[in-house]
N, C-alpha and C. Protein backbone atom coordinates (compact mmCIF):
# COMPACT_ATOMS: atom_id res chain seq x y z
N UNK A 1 198.80 3.77 277.98
CA UNK A 1 198.72 2.67 277.04
C UNK A 1 197.72 3.05 275.95
N UNK A 2 198.09 2.82 274.71
CA UNK A 2 197.24 3.19 273.59
C UNK A 2 196.08 2.23 273.37
N UNK A 3 195.13 2.66 272.55
CA UNK A 3 193.95 1.85 272.26
C UNK A 3 194.33 0.50 271.66
N UNK A 4 195.25 0.49 270.72
CA UNK A 4 195.62 -0.76 270.05
C UNK A 4 196.19 -1.78 271.03
N UNK A 5 197.00 -1.31 271.96
CA UNK A 5 197.55 -2.21 272.97
C UNK A 5 196.45 -2.74 273.89
N UNK A 6 195.52 -1.88 274.27
CA UNK A 6 194.39 -2.33 275.10
C UNK A 6 193.57 -3.38 274.36
N UNK A 7 193.34 -3.15 273.08
CA UNK A 7 192.55 -4.10 272.28
C UNK A 7 193.24 -5.45 272.21
N UNK A 8 194.54 -5.45 272.00
CA UNK A 8 195.29 -6.72 271.98
C UNK A 8 195.13 -7.45 273.31
N UNK A 9 195.21 -6.71 274.40
CA UNK A 9 195.07 -7.33 275.72
C UNK A 9 193.65 -7.83 275.95
N UNK A 10 192.66 -7.07 275.50
CA UNK A 10 191.27 -7.51 275.64
C UNK A 10 191.05 -8.81 274.88
N UNK A 11 191.59 -8.87 273.67
CA UNK A 11 191.44 -10.08 272.86
C UNK A 11 192.10 -11.29 273.51
N UNK A 12 193.11 -11.03 274.34
CA UNK A 12 193.77 -12.15 275.03
C UNK A 12 193.12 -12.43 276.39
N UNK A 13 192.00 -11.75 276.68
CA UNK A 13 191.24 -12.06 277.89
C UNK A 13 191.48 -11.18 279.10
N UNK A 14 192.20 -10.08 278.93
CA UNK A 14 192.50 -9.19 280.06
C UNK A 14 191.29 -8.32 280.38
N UNK A 15 190.60 -8.64 281.46
CA UNK A 15 189.38 -7.93 281.87
C UNK A 15 189.68 -6.47 282.27
N UNK A 16 190.81 -6.26 282.91
CA UNK A 16 191.18 -4.91 283.35
C UNK A 16 191.33 -3.96 282.16
N UNK A 17 191.82 -4.47 281.05
CA UNK A 17 191.96 -3.64 279.85
C UNK A 17 190.59 -3.24 279.30
N UNK A 18 189.61 -4.13 279.42
CA UNK A 18 188.24 -3.78 279.01
C UNK A 18 187.72 -2.62 279.84
N UNK A 19 187.95 -2.70 281.14
CA UNK A 19 187.50 -1.62 282.03
C UNK A 19 188.19 -0.31 281.69
N UNK A 20 189.47 -0.38 281.37
CA UNK A 20 190.22 0.84 281.03
C UNK A 20 189.70 1.47 279.74
N UNK A 21 189.37 0.62 278.77
CA UNK A 21 188.87 1.13 277.50
C UNK A 21 187.51 1.82 277.70
N UNK A 22 186.65 1.19 278.48
CA UNK A 22 185.34 1.80 278.77
C UNK A 22 185.54 3.11 279.52
N UNK A 23 186.39 3.11 280.52
CA UNK A 23 186.64 4.33 281.30
C UNK A 23 187.16 5.45 280.41
N UNK A 24 187.96 5.12 279.43
CA UNK A 24 188.55 6.12 278.54
C UNK A 24 187.49 6.80 277.67
N UNK A 25 186.49 6.05 277.21
CA UNK A 25 185.56 6.58 276.23
C UNK A 25 184.11 6.72 276.68
N UNK A 26 183.76 6.21 277.84
CA UNK A 26 182.35 6.19 278.24
C UNK A 26 181.74 7.59 278.24
N UNK A 27 182.37 8.53 278.91
CA UNK A 27 181.81 9.88 279.03
C UNK A 27 181.63 10.54 277.65
N UNK A 28 182.59 10.37 276.77
CA UNK A 28 182.51 10.98 275.44
C UNK A 28 181.37 10.37 274.62
N UNK A 29 181.22 9.06 274.69
CA UNK A 29 180.14 8.41 273.94
C UNK A 29 178.78 8.78 274.53
N UNK A 30 178.70 8.84 275.85
CA UNK A 30 177.45 9.27 276.49
C UNK A 30 177.10 10.69 276.06
N UNK A 31 178.07 11.57 276.06
CA UNK A 31 177.85 12.96 275.65
C UNK A 31 177.35 13.00 274.20
N UNK A 32 177.98 12.22 273.34
CA UNK A 32 177.56 12.17 271.94
C UNK A 32 176.12 11.67 271.83
N UNK A 33 175.81 10.58 272.49
CA UNK A 33 174.45 10.02 272.43
C UNK A 33 173.42 10.99 273.02
N UNK A 34 173.80 11.69 274.09
CA UNK A 34 172.88 12.63 274.72
C UNK A 34 172.55 13.79 273.78
N UNK A 35 173.46 14.13 272.91
CA UNK A 35 173.21 15.20 271.95
C UNK A 35 172.35 14.72 270.79
N UNK A 36 172.28 13.43 270.63
CA UNK A 36 171.55 12.87 269.49
C UNK A 36 170.12 12.47 269.83
N UNK A 37 169.79 12.39 271.10
CA UNK A 37 168.45 11.92 271.47
C UNK A 37 167.87 12.78 272.59
N UNK A 38 166.55 12.76 272.74
CA UNK A 38 165.88 13.70 273.64
C UNK A 38 165.91 13.33 275.13
N UNK A 39 166.45 12.20 275.47
CA UNK A 39 166.25 11.69 276.82
C UNK A 39 167.56 11.09 277.35
N UNK A 40 167.98 11.54 278.53
CA UNK A 40 169.26 11.09 279.07
C UNK A 40 169.27 9.59 279.34
N UNK A 41 168.17 9.04 279.82
CA UNK A 41 168.18 7.60 280.09
C UNK A 41 168.31 6.81 278.78
N UNK A 42 167.73 7.32 277.72
CA UNK A 42 167.88 6.67 276.41
C UNK A 42 169.34 6.79 275.94
N UNK A 43 169.94 7.95 276.16
CA UNK A 43 171.35 8.14 275.79
C UNK A 43 172.24 7.17 276.56
N UNK A 44 171.94 6.95 277.84
CA UNK A 44 172.70 5.99 278.63
C UNK A 44 172.54 4.58 278.07
N UNK A 45 171.32 4.23 277.69
CA UNK A 45 171.08 2.91 277.09
C UNK A 45 171.86 2.75 275.79
N UNK A 46 171.86 3.77 274.97
CA UNK A 46 172.58 3.71 273.70
C UNK A 46 174.09 3.60 273.93
N UNK A 47 174.57 4.27 274.96
CA UNK A 47 175.99 4.19 275.30
C UNK A 47 176.35 2.77 275.73
N UNK A 48 175.51 2.20 276.59
CA UNK A 48 175.74 0.82 277.04
C UNK A 48 175.71 -0.14 275.85
N UNK A 49 174.75 0.05 274.97
CA UNK A 49 174.64 -0.81 273.80
C UNK A 49 175.86 -0.67 272.89
N UNK A 50 176.39 0.53 272.79
CA UNK A 50 177.60 0.76 271.99
C UNK A 50 178.74 -0.12 272.51
N UNK A 51 178.98 -0.06 273.81
CA UNK A 51 180.08 -0.85 274.38
C UNK A 51 179.78 -2.35 274.34
N UNK A 52 178.52 -2.70 274.51
CA UNK A 52 178.15 -4.11 274.40
C UNK A 52 178.53 -4.64 273.02
N UNK A 53 178.19 -3.89 271.98
CA UNK A 53 178.49 -4.33 270.61
C UNK A 53 179.99 -4.36 270.34
N UNK A 54 180.71 -3.40 270.89
CA UNK A 54 182.17 -3.40 270.71
C UNK A 54 182.76 -4.69 271.27
N UNK A 55 182.38 -5.04 272.49
CA UNK A 55 182.96 -6.22 273.11
C UNK A 55 182.40 -7.52 272.53
N UNK A 56 181.15 -7.50 272.10
CA UNK A 56 180.57 -8.68 271.46
C UNK A 56 181.32 -9.02 270.18
N UNK A 57 181.72 -8.00 269.45
CA UNK A 57 182.37 -8.20 268.16
C UNK A 57 183.89 -8.04 268.21
N UNK A 58 184.45 -7.97 269.41
CA UNK A 58 185.88 -7.71 269.56
C UNK A 58 186.75 -8.76 268.86
N UNK A 59 186.34 -10.01 268.88
CA UNK A 59 187.15 -11.06 268.25
C UNK A 59 187.32 -10.81 266.74
N UNK A 60 186.32 -10.18 266.13
CA UNK A 60 186.38 -9.90 264.69
C UNK A 60 187.00 -8.55 264.37
N UNK A 61 187.16 -7.71 265.38
CA UNK A 61 187.70 -6.36 265.14
C UNK A 61 189.16 -6.46 264.71
N UNK A 62 189.47 -5.78 263.61
CA UNK A 62 190.85 -5.72 263.12
C UNK A 62 191.38 -4.32 263.33
N UNK A 63 192.56 -4.24 263.89
CA UNK A 63 193.17 -2.94 264.14
C UNK A 63 193.67 -2.38 262.81
N UNK A 64 192.88 -1.45 262.25
CA UNK A 64 193.25 -0.85 260.97
C UNK A 64 193.26 0.67 261.07
N UNK A 65 192.17 1.22 261.51
CA UNK A 65 192.07 2.68 261.61
C UNK A 65 191.98 3.09 263.06
N UNK A 66 191.35 4.19 263.26
CA UNK A 66 191.17 4.75 264.60
C UNK A 66 190.08 3.98 265.35
N UNK A 67 190.42 3.45 266.52
CA UNK A 67 189.41 2.79 267.33
C UNK A 67 188.34 3.78 267.76
N UNK A 68 188.75 5.00 268.03
CA UNK A 68 187.81 6.05 268.44
C UNK A 68 186.75 6.25 267.36
N UNK A 69 187.17 6.31 266.11
CA UNK A 69 186.22 6.47 265.01
C UNK A 69 185.30 5.26 264.91
N UNK A 70 185.84 4.08 265.11
CA UNK A 70 185.03 2.85 265.10
C UNK A 70 183.95 2.92 266.18
N UNK A 71 184.33 3.35 267.36
CA UNK A 71 183.41 3.45 268.49
C UNK A 71 182.31 4.47 268.20
N UNK A 72 182.69 5.63 267.70
CA UNK A 72 181.69 6.65 267.37
C UNK A 72 180.77 6.19 266.23
N UNK A 73 181.30 5.40 265.31
CA UNK A 73 180.46 4.89 264.22
C UNK A 73 179.37 3.99 264.77
N UNK A 74 179.71 3.14 265.70
CA UNK A 74 178.70 2.27 266.32
C UNK A 74 177.66 3.11 267.04
N UNK A 75 178.11 4.07 267.84
CA UNK A 75 177.18 4.94 268.58
C UNK A 75 176.28 5.71 267.60
N UNK A 76 176.86 6.19 266.54
CA UNK A 76 176.10 6.95 265.54
C UNK A 76 175.00 6.09 264.93
N UNK A 77 175.35 4.90 264.54
CA UNK A 77 174.35 4.02 263.92
C UNK A 77 173.23 3.67 264.90
N UNK A 78 173.59 3.45 266.15
CA UNK A 78 172.57 3.16 267.15
C UNK A 78 171.64 4.35 267.35
N UNK A 79 172.20 5.53 267.41
CA UNK A 79 171.38 6.74 267.57
C UNK A 79 170.44 6.93 266.38
N UNK A 80 170.96 6.72 265.19
CA UNK A 80 170.14 6.87 263.99
C UNK A 80 169.02 5.83 264.00
N UNK A 81 169.37 4.59 264.29
CA UNK A 81 168.36 3.53 264.31
C UNK A 81 167.30 3.80 265.37
N UNK A 82 167.71 4.28 266.52
CA UNK A 82 166.78 4.51 267.62
C UNK A 82 165.85 5.68 267.34
N UNK A 83 166.40 6.77 266.95
CA UNK A 83 165.63 8.00 266.91
C UNK A 83 165.05 8.34 265.55
N UNK A 84 165.81 8.17 264.51
CA UNK A 84 165.38 8.59 263.17
C UNK A 84 164.84 10.02 263.17
N UNK A 85 165.48 10.86 263.97
CA UNK A 85 165.12 12.27 264.01
C UNK A 85 166.39 13.08 264.27
N UNK A 86 166.33 14.38 264.02
CA UNK A 86 167.55 15.18 264.17
C UNK A 86 168.03 15.24 265.62
N UNK A 87 169.30 15.52 265.80
CA UNK A 87 169.83 15.66 267.15
C UNK A 87 169.06 16.71 267.93
N UNK A 88 168.93 16.50 269.23
CA UNK A 88 168.06 17.36 270.03
C UNK A 88 168.74 18.59 270.56
N UNK A 89 170.06 18.58 270.72
CA UNK A 89 170.66 19.75 271.36
C UNK A 89 172.15 19.81 271.10
N UNK A 90 172.73 20.94 271.37
CA UNK A 90 174.18 21.12 271.36
C UNK A 90 174.52 22.19 272.37
N UNK A 91 175.72 22.18 272.83
CA UNK A 91 176.14 23.18 273.80
C UNK A 91 176.45 24.48 273.09
N UNK A 92 175.98 25.58 273.67
CA UNK A 92 176.25 26.87 273.06
C UNK A 92 177.74 27.17 273.04
N UNK A 93 178.48 26.65 274.01
CA UNK A 93 179.93 26.89 274.01
C UNK A 93 180.61 26.21 272.83
N UNK A 94 180.07 25.09 272.40
CA UNK A 94 180.63 24.41 271.23
C UNK A 94 180.47 25.30 270.00
N UNK A 95 179.33 25.96 269.90
CA UNK A 95 179.11 26.85 268.77
C UNK A 95 180.04 28.06 268.83
N UNK A 96 180.26 28.58 270.01
CA UNK A 96 181.14 29.75 270.10
C UNK A 96 182.59 29.36 269.78
N UNK A 97 182.97 28.10 270.08
CA UNK A 97 184.30 27.63 269.69
C UNK A 97 184.36 27.47 268.18
N UNK A 98 183.22 27.16 267.57
CA UNK A 98 183.18 26.92 266.14
C UNK A 98 183.50 28.19 265.36
N UNK A 99 183.03 29.31 265.85
CA UNK A 99 183.20 30.56 265.13
C UNK A 99 183.01 31.70 266.11
N UNK A 100 183.98 32.60 266.20
CA UNK A 100 183.85 33.71 267.15
C UNK A 100 182.58 34.53 266.96
N UNK A 101 182.12 34.67 265.71
CA UNK A 101 180.89 35.42 265.48
C UNK A 101 179.69 34.75 266.13
N UNK A 102 179.77 33.45 266.31
CA UNK A 102 178.65 32.73 266.92
C UNK A 102 178.68 32.81 268.43
N UNK A 103 179.68 33.47 268.99
CA UNK A 103 179.75 33.59 270.45
C UNK A 103 178.63 34.48 270.98
N UNK A 104 177.92 35.16 270.10
CA UNK A 104 176.78 35.99 270.53
C UNK A 104 175.58 35.14 270.90
N UNK A 105 175.63 33.88 270.62
CA UNK A 105 174.51 33.01 270.96
C UNK A 105 174.37 32.99 272.47
N UNK A 106 173.22 33.42 272.93
CA UNK A 106 173.02 33.66 274.35
C UNK A 106 172.64 32.42 275.15
N UNK A 107 171.92 31.52 274.57
CA UNK A 107 171.44 30.41 275.38
C UNK A 107 171.27 29.15 274.55
N UNK A 108 170.99 28.10 275.26
CA UNK A 108 170.84 26.78 274.65
C UNK A 108 169.69 26.76 273.64
N UNK A 109 168.59 27.47 273.96
CA UNK A 109 167.45 27.50 273.05
C UNK A 109 167.84 28.10 271.70
N UNK A 110 168.62 29.16 271.75
CA UNK A 110 169.06 29.78 270.50
C UNK A 110 169.99 28.83 269.74
N UNK A 111 170.86 28.15 270.47
CA UNK A 111 171.76 27.19 269.83
C UNK A 111 170.96 26.08 269.16
N UNK A 112 169.96 25.57 269.86
CA UNK A 112 169.12 24.51 269.28
C UNK A 112 168.37 25.02 268.06
N UNK A 113 167.87 26.25 268.13
CA UNK A 113 167.15 26.82 267.00
C UNK A 113 168.06 26.91 265.77
N UNK A 114 169.29 27.34 265.99
CA UNK A 114 170.24 27.43 264.88
C UNK A 114 170.58 26.05 264.32
N UNK A 115 170.77 25.09 265.19
CA UNK A 115 171.09 23.74 264.73
C UNK A 115 169.94 23.13 263.93
N UNK A 116 168.72 23.47 264.28
CA UNK A 116 167.56 22.93 263.55
C UNK A 116 167.46 23.49 262.13
N UNK A 117 168.14 24.59 261.87
CA UNK A 117 168.14 25.17 260.52
C UNK A 117 169.07 24.40 259.58
N UNK A 118 169.91 23.55 260.15
CA UNK A 118 170.89 22.80 259.36
C UNK A 118 170.30 21.48 258.89
N UNK A 119 170.88 20.93 257.84
CA UNK A 119 170.50 19.58 257.43
C UNK A 119 171.00 18.61 258.50
N UNK A 120 170.43 17.42 258.58
CA UNK A 120 170.91 16.44 259.57
C UNK A 120 172.41 16.16 259.43
N UNK A 121 172.91 16.13 258.20
CA UNK A 121 174.33 15.86 257.97
C UNK A 121 175.20 17.00 258.47
N UNK A 122 174.77 18.24 258.22
CA UNK A 122 175.52 19.40 258.70
C UNK A 122 175.51 19.46 260.22
N UNK A 123 174.35 19.23 260.81
CA UNK A 123 174.20 19.27 262.27
C UNK A 123 175.12 18.24 262.92
N UNK A 124 175.11 17.04 262.37
CA UNK A 124 175.96 15.99 262.91
C UNK A 124 177.44 16.37 262.80
N UNK A 125 177.83 16.90 261.66
CA UNK A 125 179.23 17.29 261.46
C UNK A 125 179.65 18.38 262.45
N UNK A 126 178.78 19.36 262.68
CA UNK A 126 179.09 20.43 263.64
C UNK A 126 179.22 19.86 265.05
N UNK A 127 178.29 18.99 265.43
CA UNK A 127 178.34 18.40 266.78
C UNK A 127 179.58 17.55 266.98
N UNK A 128 179.96 16.79 265.97
CA UNK A 128 181.16 15.97 266.08
C UNK A 128 182.42 16.83 266.11
N UNK A 129 182.44 17.87 265.29
CA UNK A 129 183.63 18.72 265.20
C UNK A 129 183.84 19.55 266.47
N UNK A 130 182.79 20.22 266.92
CA UNK A 130 182.96 21.17 268.02
C UNK A 130 182.47 20.65 269.36
N UNK A 131 181.48 19.79 269.34
CA UNK A 131 181.02 19.20 270.59
C UNK A 131 181.92 18.09 271.07
N UNK A 132 182.39 17.27 270.13
CA UNK A 132 183.25 16.13 270.48
C UNK A 132 184.72 16.39 270.16
N UNK A 133 184.99 17.51 269.50
CA UNK A 133 186.36 17.91 269.15
C UNK A 133 187.09 16.86 268.31
N UNK A 134 186.38 16.32 267.33
CA UNK A 134 186.97 15.33 266.43
C UNK A 134 187.56 16.02 265.20
N UNK A 135 188.54 15.37 264.61
CA UNK A 135 189.14 15.88 263.38
C UNK A 135 188.20 15.60 262.20
N UNK A 136 188.45 16.29 261.09
CA UNK A 136 187.65 16.02 259.90
C UNK A 136 187.84 14.58 259.43
N UNK A 137 189.03 14.08 259.59
CA UNK A 137 189.29 12.69 259.20
C UNK A 137 188.45 11.72 260.05
N UNK A 138 188.38 11.97 261.35
CA UNK A 138 187.58 11.12 262.23
C UNK A 138 186.09 11.25 261.89
N UNK A 139 185.65 12.47 261.62
CA UNK A 139 184.25 12.68 261.22
C UNK A 139 183.96 11.91 259.94
N UNK A 140 184.90 11.95 259.01
CA UNK A 140 184.73 11.23 257.74
C UNK A 140 184.60 9.73 257.98
N UNK A 141 185.44 9.19 258.85
CA UNK A 141 185.36 7.75 259.15
C UNK A 141 184.02 7.40 259.80
N UNK A 142 183.56 8.23 260.70
CA UNK A 142 182.32 7.96 261.42
C UNK A 142 181.11 8.03 260.49
N UNK A 143 181.09 9.05 259.63
CA UNK A 143 179.92 9.27 258.78
C UNK A 143 180.00 8.60 257.42
N UNK A 144 181.18 8.07 257.08
CA UNK A 144 181.32 7.35 255.81
C UNK A 144 181.41 8.25 254.59
N UNK A 145 181.93 9.46 254.77
CA UNK A 145 182.11 10.38 253.65
C UNK A 145 183.58 10.78 253.59
N UNK A 146 184.03 11.34 252.47
CA UNK A 146 185.42 11.82 252.41
C UNK A 146 185.65 12.97 253.41
N UNK A 147 186.88 13.15 253.83
CA UNK A 147 187.22 14.20 254.79
C UNK A 147 186.85 15.59 254.25
N UNK A 148 187.03 15.79 252.96
CA UNK A 148 186.67 17.10 252.38
C UNK A 148 185.16 17.35 252.47
N UNK A 149 184.37 16.31 252.35
CA UNK A 149 182.92 16.46 252.49
C UNK A 149 182.57 16.83 253.92
N UNK A 150 183.21 16.18 254.88
CA UNK A 150 182.97 16.51 256.29
C UNK A 150 183.34 17.97 256.54
N UNK A 151 184.47 18.39 256.02
CA UNK A 151 184.93 19.77 256.19
C UNK A 151 183.94 20.74 255.54
N UNK A 152 183.48 20.40 254.36
CA UNK A 152 182.53 21.25 253.65
C UNK A 152 181.22 21.37 254.42
N UNK A 153 180.75 20.28 254.99
CA UNK A 153 179.51 20.32 255.77
C UNK A 153 179.64 21.28 256.95
N UNK A 154 180.78 21.24 257.62
CA UNK A 154 180.98 22.13 258.76
C UNK A 154 181.03 23.58 258.29
N UNK A 155 181.78 23.85 257.24
CA UNK A 155 181.88 25.23 256.73
C UNK A 155 180.53 25.78 256.30
N UNK A 156 179.76 24.99 255.58
CA UNK A 156 178.43 25.44 255.15
C UNK A 156 177.52 25.66 256.36
N UNK A 157 177.60 24.78 257.33
CA UNK A 157 176.78 24.91 258.53
C UNK A 157 177.12 26.20 259.27
N UNK A 158 178.40 26.48 259.41
CA UNK A 158 178.82 27.71 260.09
C UNK A 158 178.33 28.94 259.34
N UNK A 159 178.37 28.89 258.02
CA UNK A 159 177.89 30.03 257.22
C UNK A 159 176.39 30.23 257.44
N UNK A 160 175.64 29.15 257.48
CA UNK A 160 174.20 29.24 257.71
C UNK A 160 173.93 29.81 259.10
N UNK A 161 174.64 29.31 260.10
CA UNK A 161 174.42 29.78 261.47
C UNK A 161 174.82 31.24 261.62
N UNK A 162 175.91 31.64 260.96
CA UNK A 162 176.34 33.04 261.01
C UNK A 162 175.26 33.94 260.42
N UNK A 163 174.70 33.52 259.30
CA UNK A 163 173.66 34.29 258.63
C UNK A 163 172.41 34.42 259.50
N UNK A 164 172.10 33.40 260.27
CA UNK A 164 170.90 33.38 261.10
C UNK A 164 171.09 34.02 262.47
N UNK A 165 172.34 34.34 262.82
CA UNK A 165 172.61 34.93 264.14
C UNK A 165 172.37 36.43 264.07
N UNK A 166 171.52 36.96 264.98
CA UNK A 166 171.21 38.40 264.94
C UNK A 166 172.41 39.27 265.25
């Protein structure tokens, strides 16, 4: 069952559909929040708050775009409001998927060092693209920029990381 159908059922009071929607996205939102903040318990709190806000505002939610992008937008804003600092980490495997030349990155520390060389916008775009496997269109919806800007941020970030990789 698709997200839009689940949302219609949730709006009509179907509790099981709420559980299904949370089950579908909880791990991904937690993973995203964990990459944005230094502490797993804080990431869990931000994930819970994301879903709380989704369900609190469900009556006003209009099915227009991607629900997934809407969900990530809420999580993103919560992470920004909470931390006001750059994301703390990314998986080295996400970087190697980003660019074969970056597969030489040996460990998480090196991956974090490379990510810290990026602007916050570039870092976020890379994490969303390769860590969360989102499309440029979804990244654009989440960050509020055109898809070409999201794509450009990722390309520039990869060029910077390639240059910094020994």
